[in-house]
Amino acid sequence: QTVSGVNHGQTGAHMFLNHLLLKWFGASYFVLRAPSYCAYAAGLLAGLYYLRNLGFSYLVRLCFVLGLGCSHLNLVHGGEARPYVFLEAGVLLFLWAY
């Protein structure tokens, strides 16, 4: 039996980063969600670099940014302080590095 239901599946590193940010900057919504915002931004940049490496034009990359950046659901999930944002960013970073 695993403990996947504990703390909504957040990893220890995510919880430790949240603890440090809250200790350094105080309790606020932005600080609590800052790791998710950074992961969302990293995923967006990795996706852009991946498309660039595949040789897509600027127009396609602009559509990618507008599609992810202007989508209500992506913005909501990007700032929810949930661990799956890191999974999305990790996959896009892996694709970019591969």
N, C-alpha and C. Protein backbone atom coordinates (compact mmCIF):
# COMPACT_ATOMS: atom_id res chain seq x y z
N GLN A 1 0.85 -1.18 0.00
CA GLN A 1 0.00 0.00 0.00
C GLN A 1 0.89 1.25 0.00
N THR A 2 0.64 2.13 -0.94
CA THR A 2 1.42 3.37 -1.00
C THR A 2 0.69 4.48 -0.28
N VAL A 3 1.36 5.60 -0.15
CA VAL A 3 0.77 6.76 0.52
C VAL A 3 0.48 7.86 -0.50
N SER A 4 -0.03 7.48 -1.66
CA SER A 4 -0.25 8.46 -2.73
C SER A 4 -1.35 9.45 -2.39
N GLY A 5 -2.24 9.12 -1.48
CA GLY A 5 -3.31 10.03 -1.12
C GLY A 5 -2.92 11.07 -0.09
N VAL A 6 -1.73 10.94 0.48
CA VAL A 6 -1.29 11.88 1.51
C VAL A 6 -0.82 13.17 0.85
N ASN A 7 -1.24 14.29 1.34
CA ASN A 7 -0.85 15.62 0.85
C ASN A 7 -1.12 15.79 -0.65
N HIS A 8 -2.18 15.21 -1.14
CA HIS A 8 -2.61 15.33 -2.54
C HIS A 8 -1.53 14.86 -3.50
N GLY A 9 -0.68 13.93 -3.08
CA GLY A 9 0.34 13.39 -3.97
C GLY A 9 1.55 14.29 -4.16
N GLN A 10 1.68 15.35 -3.37
CA GLN A 10 2.82 16.24 -3.52
C GLN A 10 4.08 15.55 -3.03
N THR A 11 5.16 15.79 -3.75
CA THR A 11 6.43 15.19 -3.39
C THR A 11 7.05 15.91 -2.22
N GLY A 12 8.02 15.27 -1.61
CA GLY A 12 8.72 15.88 -0.49
C GLY A 12 9.48 17.12 -0.90
N ALA A 13 10.06 17.12 -2.11
CA ALA A 13 10.80 18.29 -2.59
C ALA A 13 9.87 19.48 -2.78
N HIS A 14 8.67 19.23 -3.29
CA HIS A 14 7.69 20.31 -3.49
C HIS A 14 7.27 20.88 -2.13
N MET A 15 7.03 20.02 -1.17
CA MET A 15 6.63 20.49 0.16
C MET A 15 7.77 21.24 0.84
N PHE A 16 9.02 20.77 0.67
CA PHE A 16 10.16 21.44 1.26
C PHE A 16 10.37 22.82 0.65
N LEU A 17 10.22 22.93 -0.67
CA LEU A 17 10.34 24.22 -1.34
C LEU A 17 9.25 25.18 -0.86
N ASN A 18 8.03 24.67 -0.72
CA ASN A 18 6.96 25.51 -0.18
C ASN A 18 7.27 25.96 1.24
N HIS A 19 7.80 25.07 2.05
CA HIS A 19 8.15 25.42 3.43
C HIS A 19 9.19 26.52 3.46
N LEU A 20 10.24 26.40 2.63
CA LEU A 20 11.28 27.43 2.61
C LEU A 20 10.74 28.77 2.14
N LEU A 21 9.94 28.76 1.08
CA LEU A 21 9.40 30.03 0.57
C LEU A 21 8.47 30.69 1.59
N LEU A 22 7.65 29.88 2.26
CA LEU A 22 6.76 30.45 3.27
C LEU A 22 7.55 30.98 4.46
N LYS A 23 8.63 30.31 4.81
CA LYS A 23 9.45 30.77 5.94
C LYS A 23 10.18 32.07 5.60
N TRP A 24 10.68 32.16 4.37
CA TRP A 24 11.44 33.34 3.97
C TRP A 24 10.56 34.54 3.68
N PHE A 25 9.42 34.34 3.02
CA PHE A 25 8.62 35.46 2.53
C PHE A 25 7.28 35.63 3.22
N GLY A 26 6.95 34.76 4.15
CA GLY A 26 5.67 34.86 4.84
C GLY A 26 4.57 34.16 4.09
N ALA A 27 3.45 34.03 4.75
CA ALA A 27 2.32 33.31 4.18
C ALA A 27 1.53 34.22 3.25
N SER A 28 1.50 33.85 1.99
CA SER A 28 0.67 34.56 1.02
C SER A 28 0.33 33.59 -0.10
N TYR A 29 -0.71 33.91 -0.85
CA TYR A 29 -1.12 33.04 -1.94
C TYR A 29 -0.04 32.94 -3.02
N PHE A 30 0.60 34.07 -3.32
CA PHE A 30 1.61 34.06 -4.37
C PHE A 30 2.80 33.19 -3.99
N VAL A 31 3.27 33.31 -2.76
CA VAL A 31 4.43 32.53 -2.32
C VAL A 31 4.10 31.04 -2.30
N LEU A 32 2.91 30.69 -1.88
CA LEU A 32 2.52 29.28 -1.86
C LEU A 32 2.46 28.69 -3.26
N ARG A 33 2.07 29.51 -4.22
CA ARG A 33 1.93 29.03 -5.59
C ARG A 33 3.15 29.31 -6.46
N ALA A 34 4.17 29.95 -5.92
CA ALA A 34 5.35 30.31 -6.71
C ALA A 34 6.04 29.11 -7.36
N PRO A 35 6.22 27.96 -6.68
CA PRO A 35 6.84 26.82 -7.39
C PRO A 35 6.03 26.36 -8.59
N SER A 36 4.71 26.38 -8.48
CA SER A 36 3.88 25.98 -9.61
C SER A 36 3.98 26.99 -10.75
N TYR A 37 4.04 28.28 -10.41
CA TYR A 37 4.21 29.29 -11.46
C TYR A 37 5.54 29.10 -12.18
N CYS A 38 6.60 28.82 -11.43
CA CYS A 38 7.91 28.61 -12.04
C CYS A 38 7.92 27.37 -12.91
N ALA A 39 7.28 26.30 -12.46
CA ALA A 39 7.21 25.08 -13.26
C ALA A 39 6.39 25.31 -14.52
N TYR A 40 5.32 26.08 -14.41
CA TYR A 40 4.49 26.40 -15.58
C TYR A 40 5.31 27.20 -16.60
N ALA A 41 6.06 28.18 -16.12
CA ALA A 41 6.91 28.98 -17.01
C ALA A 41 8.00 28.13 -17.64
N ALA A 42 8.61 27.22 -16.86
CA ALA A 42 9.64 26.34 -17.40
C ALA A 42 9.06 25.42 -18.46
N GLY A 43 7.87 24.91 -18.23
CA GLY A 43 7.22 24.06 -19.23
C GLY A 43 6.92 24.81 -20.50
N LEU A 44 6.47 26.05 -20.37
CA LEU A 44 6.18 26.88 -21.54
C LEU A 44 7.45 27.16 -22.35
N LEU A 45 8.53 27.52 -21.66
CA LEU A 45 9.80 27.77 -22.35
C LEU A 45 10.36 26.51 -22.98
N ALA A 46 10.26 25.38 -22.27
CA ALA A 46 10.76 24.13 -22.84
C ALA A 46 9.97 23.74 -24.08
N GLY A 47 8.67 23.96 -24.05
CA GLY A 47 7.86 23.69 -25.23
C GLY A 47 8.25 24.56 -26.41
N LEU A 48 8.55 25.83 -26.13
CA LEU A 48 8.99 26.74 -27.19
C LEU A 48 10.32 26.28 -27.79
N TYR A 49 11.27 25.92 -26.94
CA TYR A 49 12.56 25.46 -27.43
C TYR A 49 12.43 24.13 -28.18
N TYR A 50 11.54 23.28 -27.73
CA TYR A 50 11.31 22.02 -28.43
C TYR A 50 10.76 22.27 -29.83
N LEU A 51 9.80 23.17 -29.94
CA LEU A 51 9.26 23.50 -31.26
C LEU A 51 10.31 24.15 -32.15
N ARG A 52 11.17 24.96 -31.55
CA ARG A 52 12.25 25.59 -32.32
C ARG A 52 13.22 24.53 -32.83
N ASN A 53 13.55 23.55 -31.97
CA ASN A 53 14.47 22.50 -32.40
C ASN A 53 13.88 21.64 -33.50
N LEU A 54 12.56 21.52 -33.54
CA LEU A 54 11.91 20.75 -34.61
C LEU A 54 11.79 21.55 -35.90
N GLY A 55 12.10 22.85 -35.84
CA GLY A 55 12.10 23.68 -37.04
C GLY A 55 10.78 24.35 -37.35
N PHE A 56 9.90 24.49 -36.36
CA PHE A 56 8.63 25.16 -36.61
C PHE A 56 8.85 26.67 -36.71
N SER A 57 7.96 27.33 -37.43
CA SER A 57 8.09 28.76 -37.67
C SER A 57 7.69 29.56 -36.43
N TYR A 58 7.95 30.86 -36.52
CA TYR A 58 7.57 31.76 -35.43
C TYR A 58 6.06 31.79 -35.22
N LEU A 59 5.32 31.68 -36.28
CA LEU A 59 3.86 31.70 -36.18
C LEU A 59 3.34 30.51 -35.38
N VAL A 60 3.89 29.34 -35.63
CA VAL A 60 3.48 28.15 -34.88
C VAL A 60 3.85 28.30 -33.40
N ARG A 61 5.03 28.83 -33.14
CA ARG A 61 5.45 29.03 -31.74
C ARG A 61 4.60 30.09 -31.06
N LEU A 62 4.21 31.12 -31.80
CA LEU A 62 3.31 32.13 -31.23
C LEU A 62 1.95 31.54 -30.91
N CYS A 63 1.45 30.70 -31.80
CA CYS A 63 0.17 30.01 -31.53
C CYS A 63 0.28 29.10 -30.31
N PHE A 64 1.44 28.47 -30.12
CA PHE A 64 1.67 27.62 -28.95
C PHE A 64 1.61 28.46 -27.67
N VAL A 65 2.30 29.60 -27.67
CA VAL A 65 2.30 30.46 -26.48
C VAL A 65 0.91 31.00 -26.21
N LEU A 66 0.22 31.47 -27.25
CA LEU A 66 -1.12 31.99 -27.05
C LEU A 66 -2.09 30.90 -26.63
N GLY A 67 -1.92 29.71 -27.18
CA GLY A 67 -2.80 28.60 -26.82
C GLY A 67 -2.65 28.17 -25.38
N LEU A 68 -1.41 28.10 -24.90
CA LEU A 68 -1.20 27.71 -23.51
C LEU A 68 -1.36 28.90 -22.56
N GLY A 69 -0.88 30.06 -22.98
CA GLY A 69 -0.90 31.21 -22.10
C GLY A 69 -2.25 31.87 -21.94
N CYS A 70 -3.11 31.72 -22.91
CA CYS A 70 -4.43 32.37 -22.85
C CYS A 70 -5.55 31.40 -22.49
N SER A 71 -5.22 30.15 -22.32
CA SER A 71 -6.24 29.18 -21.96
C SER A 71 -6.56 29.29 -20.47
N HIS A 72 -7.82 29.45 -20.17
CA HIS A 72 -8.24 29.62 -18.78
C HIS A 72 -7.86 28.41 -17.93
N LEU A 73 -8.07 27.21 -18.45
CA LEU A 73 -7.78 26.01 -17.67
C LEU A 73 -6.29 25.85 -17.39
N ASN A 74 -5.44 26.16 -18.38
CA ASN A 74 -4.00 26.07 -18.14
C ASN A 74 -3.54 27.07 -17.10
N LEU A 75 -4.08 28.26 -17.13
CA LEU A 75 -3.68 29.26 -16.14
C LEU A 75 -4.16 28.89 -14.74
N VAL A 76 -5.36 28.33 -14.65
CA VAL A 76 -5.88 27.91 -13.35
C VAL A 76 -5.04 26.77 -12.80
N HIS A 77 -4.76 25.77 -13.65
CA HIS A 77 -3.97 24.64 -13.19
C HIS A 77 -2.51 25.02 -12.95
N GLY A 78 -2.02 26.01 -13.67
CA GLY A 78 -0.64 26.46 -13.45
C GLY A 78 -0.44 27.10 -12.10
N GLY A 79 -1.48 27.69 -11.54
CA GLY A 79 -1.35 28.36 -10.25
C GLY A 79 -2.04 27.67 -9.10
N GLU A 80 -2.38 26.41 -9.26
CA GLU A 80 -3.09 25.70 -8.19
C GLU A 80 -2.18 25.13 -7.11
N ALA A 81 -0.90 25.23 -7.29
CA ALA A 81 0.08 24.68 -6.34
C ALA A 81 -0.08 23.17 -6.21
N ARG A 82 -0.28 22.50 -7.33
CA ARG A 82 -0.40 21.05 -7.36
C ARG A 82 0.83 20.44 -8.03
N PRO A 83 1.17 19.22 -7.71
CA PRO A 83 2.41 18.64 -8.23
C PRO A 83 2.37 18.26 -9.71
N TYR A 84 1.20 18.18 -10.33
CA TYR A 84 1.19 17.74 -11.73
C TYR A 84 1.71 18.81 -12.67
N VAL A 85 1.83 20.04 -12.22
CA VAL A 85 2.44 21.07 -13.05
C VAL A 85 3.91 20.73 -13.27
N PHE A 86 4.55 20.17 -12.25
CA PHE A 86 5.94 19.77 -12.38
C PHE A 86 6.09 18.60 -13.34
N LEU A 87 5.11 17.72 -13.39
CA LEU A 87 5.13 16.60 -14.32
C LEU A 87 5.07 17.10 -15.76
N GLU A 88 4.19 18.05 -16.02
CA GLU A 88 4.09 18.64 -17.36
C GLU A 88 5.40 19.31 -17.75
N ALA A 89 5.96 20.09 -16.84
CA ALA A 89 7.22 20.77 -17.14
C ALA A 89 8.35 19.77 -17.33
N GLY A 90 8.36 18.71 -16.54
CA GLY A 90 9.40 17.69 -16.68
C GLY A 90 9.35 16.98 -18.02
N VAL A 91 8.15 16.69 -18.49
CA VAL A 91 8.01 16.03 -19.79
C VAL A 91 8.49 16.95 -20.91
N LEU A 92 8.11 18.21 -20.85
CA LEU A 92 8.54 19.14 -21.90
C LEU A 92 10.04 19.40 -21.84
N LEU A 93 10.61 19.46 -20.63
CA LEU A 93 12.06 19.62 -20.52
C LEU A 93 12.79 18.39 -21.05
N PHE A 94 12.23 17.21 -20.80
CA PHE A 94 12.82 15.99 -21.32
C PHE A 94 12.79 15.98 -22.85
N LEU A 95 11.66 16.36 -23.44
CA LEU A 95 11.56 16.41 -24.89
C LEU A 95 12.54 17.40 -25.49
N TRP A 96 12.71 18.53 -24.82
CA TRP A 96 13.63 19.54 -25.32
C TRP A 96 15.07 19.02 -25.26
N ALA A 97 15.43 18.34 -24.18
CA ALA A 97 16.80 17.84 -24.02
C ALA A 97 17.07 16.65 -24.93
N TYR A 98 16.03 15.89 -25.24
CA TYR A 98 16.20 14.70 -26.06
C TYR A 98 16.38 15.09 -27.50
